[in-house]
Amino acid sequence: MLSTAEASERLGVSQRTLIRWRQSVPIIGPPPIRIGNAIRYAEQDVNCWILTQREKGKA
């Protein structure tokens, strides 16, 4: 599981951007997971989201 800081670094965006993405409707970016008061991102979800963005760029 990745923290917001770790996920934003991997995605190449600021933490604030990642927070805005998860607050948007519909959610932009990888789906967040709430564990208690913490927000985490599954590493697999982040990697899959990166791949889908790369595929969109080829169109």
PDB file of N, CA and C in Angstrom:
ATOM      1  N   MET A   1       0.847  -1.176   0.000  1.00  0.00           N
ATOM      2  CA  MET A   1       0.000   0.000   0.000  1.00  0.00           C
ATOM      3  C   MET A   1       0.896   1.244   0.000  1.00  0.00           C
ATOM      4  N   LEU A   2       0.472   2.221  -0.792  1.00  0.00           N
ATOM      5  CA  LEU A   2       1.246   3.453  -0.921  1.00  0.00           C
ATOM      6  C   LEU A   2       0.510   4.602  -0.234  1.00  0.00           C
ATOM      7  N   SER A   3       1.256   5.466   0.410  1.00  0.00           N
ATOM      8  CA  SER A   3       0.672   6.679   0.979  1.00  0.00           C
ATOM      9  C   SER A   3       0.401   7.665  -0.155  1.00  0.00           C
ATOM     10  N   THR A   4      -0.271   8.749   0.160  1.00  0.00           N
ATOM     11  CA  THR A   4      -0.521   9.788  -0.841  1.00  0.00           C
ATOM     12  C   THR A   4       0.794  10.328  -1.377  1.00  0.00           C
ATOM     13  N   ALA A   5       1.766  10.541  -0.498  1.00  0.00           N
ATOM     14  CA  ALA A   5       3.069  11.057  -0.919  1.00  0.00           C
ATOM     15  C   ALA A   5       3.768  10.086  -1.872  1.00  0.00           C
ATOM     16  N   GLU A   6       3.743   8.800  -1.526  1.00  0.00           N
ATOM     17  CA  GLU A   6       4.397   7.794  -2.368  1.00  0.00           C
ATOM     18  C   GLU A   6       3.694   7.644  -3.712  1.00  0.00           C
ATOM     19  N   ALA A   7       2.358   7.634  -3.684  1.00  0.00           N
ATOM     20  CA  ALA A   7       1.596   7.493  -4.930  1.00  0.00           C
ATOM     21  C   ALA A   7       1.792   8.709  -5.831  1.00  0.00           C
ATOM     22  N   SER A   8       1.788   9.901  -5.249  1.00  0.00           N
ATOM     23  CA  SER A   8       1.964  11.109  -6.058  1.00  0.00           C
ATOM     24  C   SER A   8       3.350  11.146  -6.684  1.00  0.00           C
ATOM     25  N   GLU A   9       4.346  10.684  -5.955  1.00  0.00           N
ATOM     26  CA  GLU A   9       5.705  10.628  -6.497  1.00  0.00           C
ATOM     27  C   GLU A   9       5.770   9.647  -7.673  1.00  0.00           C
ATOM     28  N   ARG A  10       5.165   8.503  -7.501  1.00  0.00           N
ATOM     29  CA  ARG A  10       5.171   7.496  -8.567  1.00  0.00           C
ATOM     30  C   ARG A  10       4.418   7.994  -9.808  1.00  0.00           C
ATOM     31  N   LEU A  11       3.336   8.761  -9.586  1.00  0.00           N
ATOM     32  CA  LEU A  11       2.530   9.272 -10.694  1.00  0.00           C
ATOM     33  C   LEU A  11       3.115  10.541 -11.317  1.00  0.00           C
ATOM     34  N   GLY A  12       4.041  11.170 -10.612  1.00  0.00           N
ATOM     35  CA  GLY A  12       4.650  12.393 -11.133  1.00  0.00           C
ATOM     36  C   GLY A  12       3.753  13.613 -11.016  1.00  0.00           C
ATOM     37  N   VAL A  13       2.890  13.609  -9.993  1.00  0.00           N
ATOM     38  CA  VAL A  13       2.021  14.750  -9.731  1.00  0.00           C
ATOM     39  C   VAL A  13       2.197  15.176  -8.277  1.00  0.00           C
ATOM     40  N   SER A  14       1.724  16.370  -7.957  1.00  0.00           N
ATOM     41  CA  SER A  14       1.824  16.827  -6.577  1.00  0.00           C
ATOM     42  C   SER A  14       0.813  16.091  -5.699  1.00  0.00           C
ATOM     43  N   GLN A  15       1.056  16.119  -4.407  1.00  0.00           N
ATOM     44  CA  GLN A  15       0.112  15.500  -3.474  1.00  0.00           C
ATOM     45  C   GLN A  15      -1.236  16.195  -3.559  1.00  0.00           C
ATOM     46  N   ARG A  16      -1.216  17.511  -3.734  1.00  0.00           N
ATOM     47  CA  ARG A  16      -2.463  18.273  -3.835  1.00  0.00           C
ATOM     48  C   ARG A  16      -3.277  17.830  -5.056  1.00  0.00           C
ATOM     49  N   THR A  17      -2.601  17.577  -6.165  1.00  0.00           N
ATOM     50  CA  THR A  17      -3.295  17.107  -7.366  1.00  0.00           C
ATOM     51  C   THR A  17      -3.949  15.766  -7.100  1.00  0.00           C
ATOM     52  N   LEU A  18      -3.236  14.868  -6.455  1.00  0.00           N
ATOM     53  CA  LEU A  18      -3.797  13.551  -6.149  1.00  0.00           C
ATOM     54  C   LEU A  18      -5.007  13.677  -5.217  1.00  0.00           C
ATOM     55  N   ILE A  19      -4.942  14.583  -4.270  1.00  0.00           N
ATOM     56  CA  ILE A  19      -6.078  14.825  -3.365  1.00  0.00           C
ATOM     57  C   ILE A  19      -7.268  15.364  -4.159  1.00  0.00           C
ATOM     58  N   ARG A  20      -7.027  16.307  -5.064  1.00  0.00           N
ATOM     59  CA  ARG A  20      -8.116  16.840  -5.897  1.00  0.00           C
ATOM     60  C   ARG A  20      -8.726  15.743  -6.758  1.00  0.00           C
ATOM     61  N   TRP A  21      -7.885  14.883  -7.311  1.00  0.00           N
ATOM     62  CA  TRP A  21      -8.386  13.781  -8.137  1.00  0.00           C
ATOM     63  C   TRP A  21      -9.324  12.891  -7.348  1.00  0.00           C
ATOM     64  N   ARG A  22      -8.949  12.536  -6.126  1.00  0.00           N
ATOM     65  CA  ARG A  22      -9.794  11.606  -5.360  1.00  0.00           C
ATOM     66  C   ARG A  22     -11.062  12.274  -4.841  1.00  0.00           C
ATOM     67  N   GLN A  23     -11.083  13.611  -4.793  1.00  0.00           N
ATOM     68  CA  GLN A  23     -12.276  14.321  -4.344  1.00  0.00           C
ATOM     69  C   GLN A  23     -13.221  14.648  -5.499  1.00  0.00           C
ATOM     70  N   SER A  24     -12.760  14.439  -6.737  1.00  0.00           N
ATOM     71  CA  SER A  24     -13.601  14.755  -7.890  1.00  0.00           C
ATOM     72  C   SER A  24     -14.642  13.660  -8.095  1.00  0.00           C
ATOM     73  N   VAL A  25     -15.714  14.024  -8.805  1.00  0.00           N
ATOM     74  CA  VAL A  25     -16.756  13.057  -9.132  1.00  0.00           C
ATOM     75  C   VAL A  25     -16.925  13.074 -10.633  1.00  0.00           C
ATOM     76  N   PRO A  26     -16.652  11.979 -11.331  1.00  0.00           N
ATOM     77  CA  PRO A  26     -16.104  10.720 -10.814  1.00  0.00           C
ATOM     78  C   PRO A  26     -14.627  10.878 -10.447  1.00  0.00           C
ATOM     79  N   ILE A  27     -14.124   9.942  -9.676  1.00  0.00           N
ATOM     80  CA  ILE A  27     -12.731   9.980  -9.225  1.00  0.00           C
ATOM     81  C   ILE A  27     -11.801   9.883 -10.430  1.00  0.00           C
ATOM     82  N   ILE A  28     -10.806  10.736 -10.446  1.00  0.00           N
ATOM     83  CA  ILE A  28      -9.749  10.687 -11.455  1.00  0.00           C
ATOM     84  C   ILE A  28      -8.565   9.985 -10.797  1.00  0.00           C
ATOM     85  N   GLY A  29      -7.837   9.223 -11.554  1.00  0.00           N
ATOM     86  CA  GLY A  29      -6.654   8.561 -11.013  1.00  0.00           C
ATOM     87  C   GLY A  29      -6.985   7.230 -10.368  1.00  0.00           C
ATOM     88  N   PRO A  30      -5.975   6.627  -9.748  1.00  0.00           N
ATOM     89  CA  PRO A  30      -6.187   5.321  -9.117  1.00  0.00           C
ATOM     90  C   PRO A  30      -7.136   5.440  -7.927  1.00  0.00           C
ATOM     91  N   PRO A  31      -7.932   4.408  -7.672  1.00  0.00           N
ATOM     92  CA  PRO A  31      -8.905   4.490  -6.578  1.00  0.00           C
ATOM     93  C   PRO A  31      -8.233   4.496  -5.209  1.00  0.00           C
ATOM     94  N   PRO A  32      -8.634   5.437  -4.353  1.00  0.00           N
ATOM     95  CA  PRO A  32      -8.089   5.480  -2.994  1.00  0.00           C
ATOM     96  C   PRO A  32      -8.753   4.430  -2.111  1.00  0.00           C
ATOM     97  N   ILE A  33      -8.031   3.999  -1.090  1.00  0.00           N
ATOM     98  CA  ILE A  33      -8.558   3.041  -0.117  1.00  0.00           C
ATOM     99  C   ILE A  33      -8.421   3.682   1.259  1.00  0.00           C
ATOM    100  N   ARG A  34      -9.528   3.769   1.975  1.00  0.00           N
ATOM    101  CA  ARG A  34      -9.489   4.344   3.331  1.00  0.00           C
ATOM    102  C   ARG A  34      -9.267   3.216   4.326  1.00  0.00           C
ATOM    103  N   ILE A  35      -8.233   3.375   5.136  1.00  0.00           N
ATOM    104  CA  ILE A  35      -7.940   2.427   6.215  1.00  0.00           C
ATOM    105  C   ILE A  35      -7.886   3.255   7.487  1.00  0.00           C
ATOM    106  N   GLY A  36      -8.962   3.177   8.272  1.00  0.00           N
ATOM    107  CA  GLY A  36      -9.067   4.047   9.442  1.00  0.00           C
ATOM    108  C   GLY A  36      -9.144   5.492   8.968  1.00  0.00           C
ATOM    109  N   ASN A  37      -8.229   6.325   9.441  1.00  0.00           N
ATOM    110  CA  ASN A  37      -8.178   7.720   9.013  1.00  0.00           C
ATOM    111  C   ASN A  37      -7.201   7.936   7.873  1.00  0.00           C
ATOM    112  N   ALA A  38      -6.503   6.899   7.457  1.00  0.00           N
ATOM    113  CA  ALA A  38      -5.472   7.025   6.429  1.00  0.00           C
ATOM    114  C   ALA A  38      -6.035   6.698   5.050  1.00  0.00           C
ATOM    115  N   ILE A  39      -5.517   7.388   4.047  1.00  0.00           N
ATOM    116  CA  ILE A  39      -5.836   7.092   2.657  1.00  0.00           C
ATOM    117  C   ILE A  39      -4.611   6.399   2.067  1.00  0.00           C
ATOM    118  N   ARG A  40      -4.835   5.269   1.446  1.00  0.00           N
ATOM    119  CA  ARG A  40      -3.750   4.513   0.817  1.00  0.00           C
ATOM    120  C   ARG A  40      -4.158   4.173  -0.610  1.00  0.00           C
ATOM    121  N   TYR A  41      -3.162   3.808  -1.398  1.00  0.00           N
ATOM    122  CA  TYR A  41      -3.378   3.392  -2.779  1.00  0.00           C
ATOM    123  C   TYR A  41      -2.701   2.047  -2.966  1.00  0.00           C
ATOM    124  N   ALA A  42      -3.417   1.101  -3.550  1.00  0.00           N
ATOM    125  CA  ALA A  42      -2.825  -0.204  -3.834  1.00  0.00           C
ATOM    126  C   ALA A  42      -1.812  -0.017  -4.960  1.00  0.00           C
ATOM    127  N   GLU A  43      -0.644  -0.572  -4.775  1.00  0.00           N
ATOM    128  CA  GLU A  43       0.423  -0.447  -5.762  1.00  0.00           C
ATOM    129  C   GLU A  43      -0.042  -0.931  -7.137  1.00  0.00           C
ATOM    130  N   GLN A  44      -0.788  -2.022  -7.160  1.00  0.00           N
ATOM    131  CA  GLN A  44      -1.294  -2.571  -8.417  1.00  0.00           C
ATOM    132  C   GLN A  44      -2.253  -1.589  -9.092  1.00  0.00           C
ATOM    133  N   ASP A  45      -3.112  -0.920  -8.309  1.00  0.00           N
ATOM    134  CA  ASP A  45      -4.040   0.062  -8.879  1.00  0.00           C
ATOM    135  C   ASP A  45      -3.290   1.233  -9.505  1.00  0.00           C
ATOM    136  N   VAL A  46      -2.237   1.691  -8.838  1.00  0.00           N
ATOM    137  CA  VAL A  46      -1.432   2.800  -9.362  1.00  0.00           C
ATOM    138  C   VAL A  46      -0.757   2.377 -10.663  1.00  0.00           C
ATOM    139  N   ASN A  47      -0.168   1.192 -10.671  1.00  0.00           N
ATOM    140  CA  ASN A  47       0.506   0.710 -11.886  1.00  0.00           C
ATOM    141  C   ASN A  47      -0.473   0.522 -13.040  1.00  0.00           C
ATOM    142  N   CYS A  48      -1.654  -0.031 -12.754  1.00  0.00           N
ATOM    143  CA  CYS A  48      -2.667  -0.224 -13.799  1.00  0.00           C
ATOM    144  C   CYS A  48      -3.141   1.116 -14.342  1.00  0.00           C
ATOM    145  N   TRP A  49      -3.322   2.095 -13.472  1.00  0.00           N
ATOM    146  CA  TRP A  49      -3.773   3.410 -13.916  1.00  0.00           C
ATOM    147  C   TRP A  49      -2.722   4.053 -14.836  1.00  0.00           C
ATOM    148  N   ILE A  50      -1.456   3.900 -14.480  1.00  0.00           N
ATOM    149  CA  ILE A  50      -0.384   4.431 -15.331  1.00  0.00           C
ATOM    150  C   ILE A  50      -0.442   3.773 -16.709  1.00  0.00           C
ATOM    151  N   LEU A  51      -0.626   2.461 -16.749  1.00  0.00           N
ATOM    152  CA  LEU A  51      -0.703   1.746 -18.030  1.00  0.00           C
ATOM    153  C   LEU A  51      -1.890   2.196 -18.865  1.00  0.00           C
ATOM    154  N   THR A  52      -3.047   2.413 -18.233  1.00  0.00           N
ATOM    155  CA  THR A  52      -4.218   2.858 -18.995  1.00  0.00           C
ATOM    156  C   THR A  52      -3.999   4.251 -19.558  1.00  0.00           C
ATOM    157  N   GLN A  53      -3.292   5.099 -18.828  1.00  0.00           N
ATOM    158  CA  GLN A  53      -3.009   6.440 -19.333  1.00  0.00           C
ATOM    159  C   GLN A  53      -2.055   6.376 -20.516  1.00  0.00           C
ATOM    160  N   ARG A  54      -1.116   5.459 -20.454  1.00  0.00           N
ATOM    161  CA  ARG A  54      -0.172   5.293 -21.556  1.00  0.00           C
ATOM    162  C   ARG A  54      -0.911   4.791 -22.796  1.00  0.00           C
ATOM    163  N   GLU A  55      -1.871   3.884 -22.608  1.00  0.00           N
ATOM    164  CA  GLU A  55      -2.660   3.368 -23.727  1.00  0.00           C
ATOM    165  C   GLU A  55      -3.516   4.479 -24.343  1.00  0.00           C
ATOM    166  N   LYS A  56      -4.086   5.341 -23.510  1.00  0.00           N
ATOM    167  CA  LYS A  56      -4.893   6.459 -24.007  1.00  0.00           C
ATOM    168  C   LYS A  56      -4.048   7.399 -24.848  1.00  0.00           C
ATOM    169  N   GLY A  57      -2.781   7.545 -24.478  1.00  0.00           N
ATOM    170  CA  GLY A  57      -1.880   8.437 -25.198  1.00  0.00           C
ATOM    171  C   GLY A  57      -1.540   7.936 -26.599  1.00  0.00           C
ATOM    172  N   LYS A  58      -1.701   6.634 -26.835  1.00  0.00           N
ATOM    173  CA  LYS A  58      -1.391   6.059 -28.150  1.00  0.00           C
ATOM    174  C   LYS A  58      -2.505   6.298 -29.151  1.00  0.00           C
ATOM    175  N   ALA A  59      -3.708   6.593 -28.660  1.00  0.00           N
ATOM    176  CA  ALA A  59      -4.868   6.735 -29.563  1.00  0.00           C
ATOM    177  C   ALA A  59      -4.778   7.980 -30.410  1.00  0.00           C
TER     178      ALA A  59
END
